[in-house]
């Protein structure tokens, strides 16, 4: 059986991205591997074994083009309103909270936030399938 362990995103500025993911989601550096042409930084927190892998290509100066194929990362939180307020106070500009139903029943409450490179992150209220 396969186990999801990380999702990789390419970022332009290592320090800016680490700062964002730390402030927004409490992710800390779990490992940092430096190579001749790129660096890999693995971020995690005690909530989950799943990691975000930042890839920083050395010498790159142009922002990455995300295109129309990228979806989003998703995290869950215990208190959606408090988390949105906290992120707003940090100046991270979370979007408004929205709800979604399926077959007339509440399914999810969430908002989106973007990291410094424009990657979207969905922040969901913990409940149901979104633990």
C-alpha atoms as a PDB file:
ATOM      1  CA  UNK A   1       0.000   0.000   0.000  1.00  0.00           C
ATOM      2  CA  UNK A   2       1.328   3.442  -0.884  1.00  0.00           C
ATOM      3  CA  UNK A   3       1.641   6.194   1.723  1.00  0.00           C
ATOM      4  CA  UNK A   4       1.645   9.884   0.770  1.00  0.00           C
ATOM      5  CA  UNK A   5       4.797  11.468   2.233  1.00  0.00           C
ATOM      6  CA  UNK A   6       5.295  14.875   0.606  1.00  0.00           C
ATOM      7  CA  UNK A   7       4.272  17.320  -2.084  1.00  0.00           C
ATOM      8  CA  UNK A   8       6.955  19.303  -3.918  1.00  0.00           C
ATOM      9  CA  UNK A   9       6.668  22.886  -5.086  1.00  0.00           C
ATOM     10  CA  UNK A  10       9.299  25.029  -6.796  1.00  0.00           C
ATOM     11  CA  UNK A  11       9.915  28.352  -5.089  1.00  0.00           C
ATOM     12  CA  UNK A  12      11.967  31.367  -6.058  1.00  0.00           C
ATOM     13  CA  UNK A  13      13.111  32.606  -2.649  1.00  0.00           C
ATOM     14  CA  UNK A  14      13.960  30.039   0.026  1.00  0.00           C
ATOM     15  CA  UNK A  15      13.888  32.353   3.062  1.00  0.00           C
ATOM     16  CA  UNK A  16      10.614  34.031   2.030  1.00  0.00           C
ATOM     17  CA  UNK A  17       8.901  30.667   1.508  1.00  0.00           C
ATOM     18  CA  UNK A  18      10.168  29.152   4.760  1.00  0.00           C
ATOM     19  CA  UNK A  19       8.978  32.260   6.627  1.00  0.00           C
ATOM     20  CA  UNK A  20       5.520  32.046   5.030  1.00  0.00           C
ATOM     21  CA  UNK A  21       4.988  28.336   5.743  1.00  0.00           C
ATOM     22  CA  UNK A  22       6.243  28.760   9.296  1.00  0.00           C
ATOM     23  CA  UNK A  23       3.985  31.729  10.058  1.00  0.00           C
ATOM     24  CA  UNK A  24       0.967  30.364   8.229  1.00  0.00           C
ATOM     25  CA  UNK A  25       1.057  26.690   9.220  1.00  0.00           C
ATOM     26  CA  UNK A  26       3.748  26.201  11.863  1.00  0.00           C
ATOM     27  CA  UNK A  27       5.918  24.213   9.462  1.00  0.00           C
ATOM     28  CA  UNK A  28       9.574  23.937  10.470  1.00  0.00           C
ATOM     29  CA  UNK A  29      12.583  22.694   8.537  1.00  0.00           C
ATOM     30  CA  UNK A  30      12.753  18.910   8.946  1.00  0.00           C
ATOM     31  CA  UNK A  31      15.669  18.544   6.549  1.00  0.00           C
ATOM     32  CA  UNK A  32      17.672  20.626   4.085  1.00  0.00           C
ATOM     33  CA  UNK A  33      19.695  19.024   1.296  1.00  0.00           C
ATOM     34  CA  UNK A  34      21.997  21.247  -0.733  1.00  0.00           C
ATOM     35  CA  UNK A  35      23.116  20.148  -4.210  1.00  0.00           C
ATOM     36  CA  UNK A  36      25.213  21.856  -6.867  1.00  0.00           C
ATOM     37  CA  UNK A  37      22.283  23.254  -8.863  1.00  0.00           C
ATOM     38  CA  UNK A  38      19.359  23.100  -6.423  1.00  0.00           C
ATOM     39  CA  UNK A  39      18.376  22.839  -2.766  1.00  0.00           C
ATOM     40  CA  UNK A  40      15.593  20.734  -1.233  1.00  0.00           C
ATOM     41  CA  UNK A  41      13.951  21.890   1.987  1.00  0.00           C
ATOM     42  CA  UNK A  42      11.484  19.583   3.743  1.00  0.00           C
ATOM     43  CA  UNK A  43       8.941  21.273   6.024  1.00  0.00           C
ATOM     44  CA  UNK A  44       6.726  19.576   8.595  1.00  0.00           C
ATOM     45  CA  UNK A  45       5.047  19.974  11.966  1.00  0.00           C
ATOM     46  CA  UNK A  46       3.935  17.580  14.732  1.00  0.00           C
ATOM     47  CA  UNK A  47       0.356  17.430  13.354  1.00  0.00           C
ATOM     48  CA  UNK A  48       1.291  15.098  10.492  1.00  0.00           C
ATOM     49  CA  UNK A  49       4.110  13.075   8.967  1.00  0.00           C
ATOM     50  CA  UNK A  50       3.280  14.609   5.574  1.00  0.00           C
ATOM     51  CA  UNK A  51       5.851  17.151   4.395  1.00  0.00           C
ATOM     52  CA  UNK A  52       5.992  20.054   1.971  1.00  0.00           C
ATOM     53  CA  UNK A  53       9.153  19.855  -0.119  1.00  0.00           C
ATOM     54  CA  UNK A  54      10.446  23.196  -1.380  1.00  0.00           C
ATOM     55  CA  UNK A  55      12.742  22.984  -4.407  1.00  0.00           C
ATOM     56  CA  UNK A  56      14.943  26.009  -4.961  1.00  0.00           C
ATOM     57  CA  UNK A  57      16.765  25.979  -8.304  1.00  0.00           C
ATOM     58  CA  UNK A  58      19.992  27.954  -7.967  1.00  0.00           C
ATOM     59  CA  UNK A  59      20.416  30.872 -10.340  1.00  0.00           C
ATOM     60  CA  UNK A  60      16.719  31.131 -11.144  1.00  0.00           C
ATOM     61  CA  UNK A  61      15.546  34.739 -11.164  1.00  0.00           C
ATOM     62  CA  UNK A  62      12.193  34.533 -12.925  1.00  0.00           C
ATOM     63  CA  UNK A  63       9.038  33.505 -11.048  1.00  0.00           C
ATOM     64  CA  UNK A  64       7.635  30.118 -12.005  1.00  0.00           C
ATOM     65  CA  UNK A  65       4.608  30.010 -14.290  1.00  0.00           C
ATOM     66  CA  UNK A  66       2.027  27.968 -12.403  1.00  0.00           C
ATOM     67  CA  UNK A  67      -0.135  27.379 -15.451  1.00  0.00           C
ATOM     68  CA  UNK A  68      -3.680  26.087 -15.297  1.00  0.00           C
ATOM     69  CA  UNK A  69      -2.919  22.550 -14.128  1.00  0.00           C
ATOM     70  CA  UNK A  70      -1.944  23.223 -10.521  1.00  0.00           C
ATOM     71  CA  UNK A  71      -4.709  22.616  -7.967  1.00  0.00           C
ATOM     72  CA  UNK A  72      -3.839  23.278  -4.332  1.00  0.00           C
ATOM     73  CA  UNK A  73      -2.439  21.930  -1.100  1.00  0.00           C
ATOM     74  CA  UNK A  74      -4.936  21.505   1.748  1.00  0.00           C
ATOM     75  CA  UNK A  75      -4.574  21.700   5.519  1.00  0.00           C
ATOM     76  CA  UNK A  76      -7.189  21.317   8.248  1.00  0.00           C
ATOM     77  CA  UNK A  77      -7.560  23.378  11.420  1.00  0.00           C
ATOM     78  CA  UNK A  78      -9.644  23.049  14.582  1.00  0.00           C
ATOM     79  CA  UNK A  79     -11.023  26.618  14.512  1.00  0.00           C
ATOM     80  CA  UNK A  80     -11.411  28.082  11.023  1.00  0.00           C
ATOM     81  CA  UNK A  81     -12.448  31.587  12.095  1.00  0.00           C
ATOM     82  CA  UNK A  82      -9.600  31.978  14.581  1.00  0.00           C
ATOM     83  CA  UNK A  83      -7.085  30.717  12.053  1.00  0.00           C
ATOM     84  CA  UNK A  84      -8.317  33.143   9.406  1.00  0.00           C
ATOM     85  CA  UNK A  85      -8.127  36.006  11.941  1.00  0.00           C
ATOM     86  CA  UNK A  86      -4.562  34.988  12.879  1.00  0.00           C
ATOM     87  CA  UNK A  87      -3.440  34.870   9.250  1.00  0.00           C
ATOM     88  CA  UNK A  88      -5.086  38.228   8.569  1.00  0.00           C
ATOM     89  CA  UNK A  89      -3.262  39.772  11.545  1.00  0.00           C
ATOM     90  CA  UNK A  90       0.014  38.514  10.064  1.00  0.00           C
ATOM     91  CA  UNK A  91      -0.796  40.322   6.812  1.00  0.00           C
ATOM     92  CA  UNK A  92      -1.024  37.074   4.824  1.00  0.00           C
ATOM     93  CA  UNK A  93      -4.347  38.008   3.150  1.00  0.00           C
ATOM     94  CA  UNK A  94      -6.532  34.913   3.469  1.00  0.00           C
ATOM     95  CA  UNK A  95      -9.648  34.927   1.293  1.00  0.00           C
ATOM     96  CA  UNK A  96     -13.189  34.833   2.721  1.00  0.00           C
ATOM     97  CA  UNK A  97     -14.627  31.747   4.395  1.00  0.00           C
ATOM     98  CA  UNK A  98     -17.023  29.828   2.176  1.00  0.00           C
ATOM     99  CA  UNK A  99     -19.140  26.727   2.628  1.00  0.00           C
ATOM    100  CA  UNK A 100     -19.880  23.842   0.312  1.00  0.00           C
ATOM    101  CA  UNK A 101     -22.761  21.370   0.359  1.00  0.00           C
ATOM    102  CA  UNK A 102     -23.242  17.966  -1.227  1.00  0.00           C
ATOM    103  CA  UNK A 103     -26.712  16.508  -1.719  1.00  0.00           C
ATOM    104  CA  UNK A 104     -28.151  19.269   0.486  1.00  0.00           C
ATOM    105  CA  UNK A 105     -25.910  18.491   3.457  1.00  0.00           C
ATOM    106  CA  UNK A 106     -22.983  20.598   4.698  1.00  0.00           C
ATOM    107  CA  UNK A 107     -19.704  19.186   3.398  1.00  0.00           C
ATOM    108  CA  UNK A 108     -16.973  21.723   4.086  1.00  0.00           C
ATOM    109  CA  UNK A 109     -16.131  25.217   5.341  1.00  0.00           C
ATOM    110  CA  UNK A 110     -12.860  26.659   4.104  1.00  0.00           C
ATOM    111  CA  UNK A 111     -10.851  29.590   2.800  1.00  0.00           C
ATOM    112  CA  UNK A 112      -7.853  29.896   0.521  1.00  0.00           C
ATOM    113  CA  UNK A 113      -4.524  31.633   1.013  1.00  0.00           C
ATOM    114  CA  UNK A 114      -1.617  31.996  -1.424  1.00  0.00           C
ATOM    115  CA  UNK A 115       2.059  31.557  -0.674  1.00  0.00           C
ATOM    116  CA  UNK A 116       4.686  34.035  -1.963  1.00  0.00           C
ATOM    117  CA  UNK A 117       4.987  32.136  -5.261  1.00  0.00           C
ATOM    118  CA  UNK A 118       1.224  32.087  -5.884  1.00  0.00           C
ATOM    119  CA  UNK A 119       0.527  28.495  -4.840  1.00  0.00           C
ATOM    120  CA  UNK A 120      -2.965  28.137  -3.409  1.00  0.00           C
ATOM    121  CA  UNK A 121      -3.502  26.491  -0.029  1.00  0.00           C
ATOM    122  CA  UNK A 122      -6.987  25.480   1.123  1.00  0.00           C
ATOM    123  CA  UNK A 123      -7.578  25.785   4.863  1.00  0.00           C
ATOM    124  CA  UNK A 124     -10.497  23.560   5.950  1.00  0.00           C
ATOM    125  CA  UNK A 125     -12.445  23.308   9.190  1.00  0.00           C
ATOM    126  CA  UNK A 126     -11.745  19.861  10.707  1.00  0.00           C
ATOM    127  CA  UNK A 127     -14.828  17.687  10.500  1.00  0.00           C
ATOM    128  CA  UNK A 128     -16.155  14.742   8.558  1.00  0.00           C
ATOM    129  CA  UNK A 129     -13.639  13.570   5.990  1.00  0.00           C
ATOM    130  CA  UNK A 130     -11.442  16.636   6.568  1.00  0.00           C
ATOM    131  CA  UNK A 131      -9.626  15.548   9.702  1.00  0.00           C
END
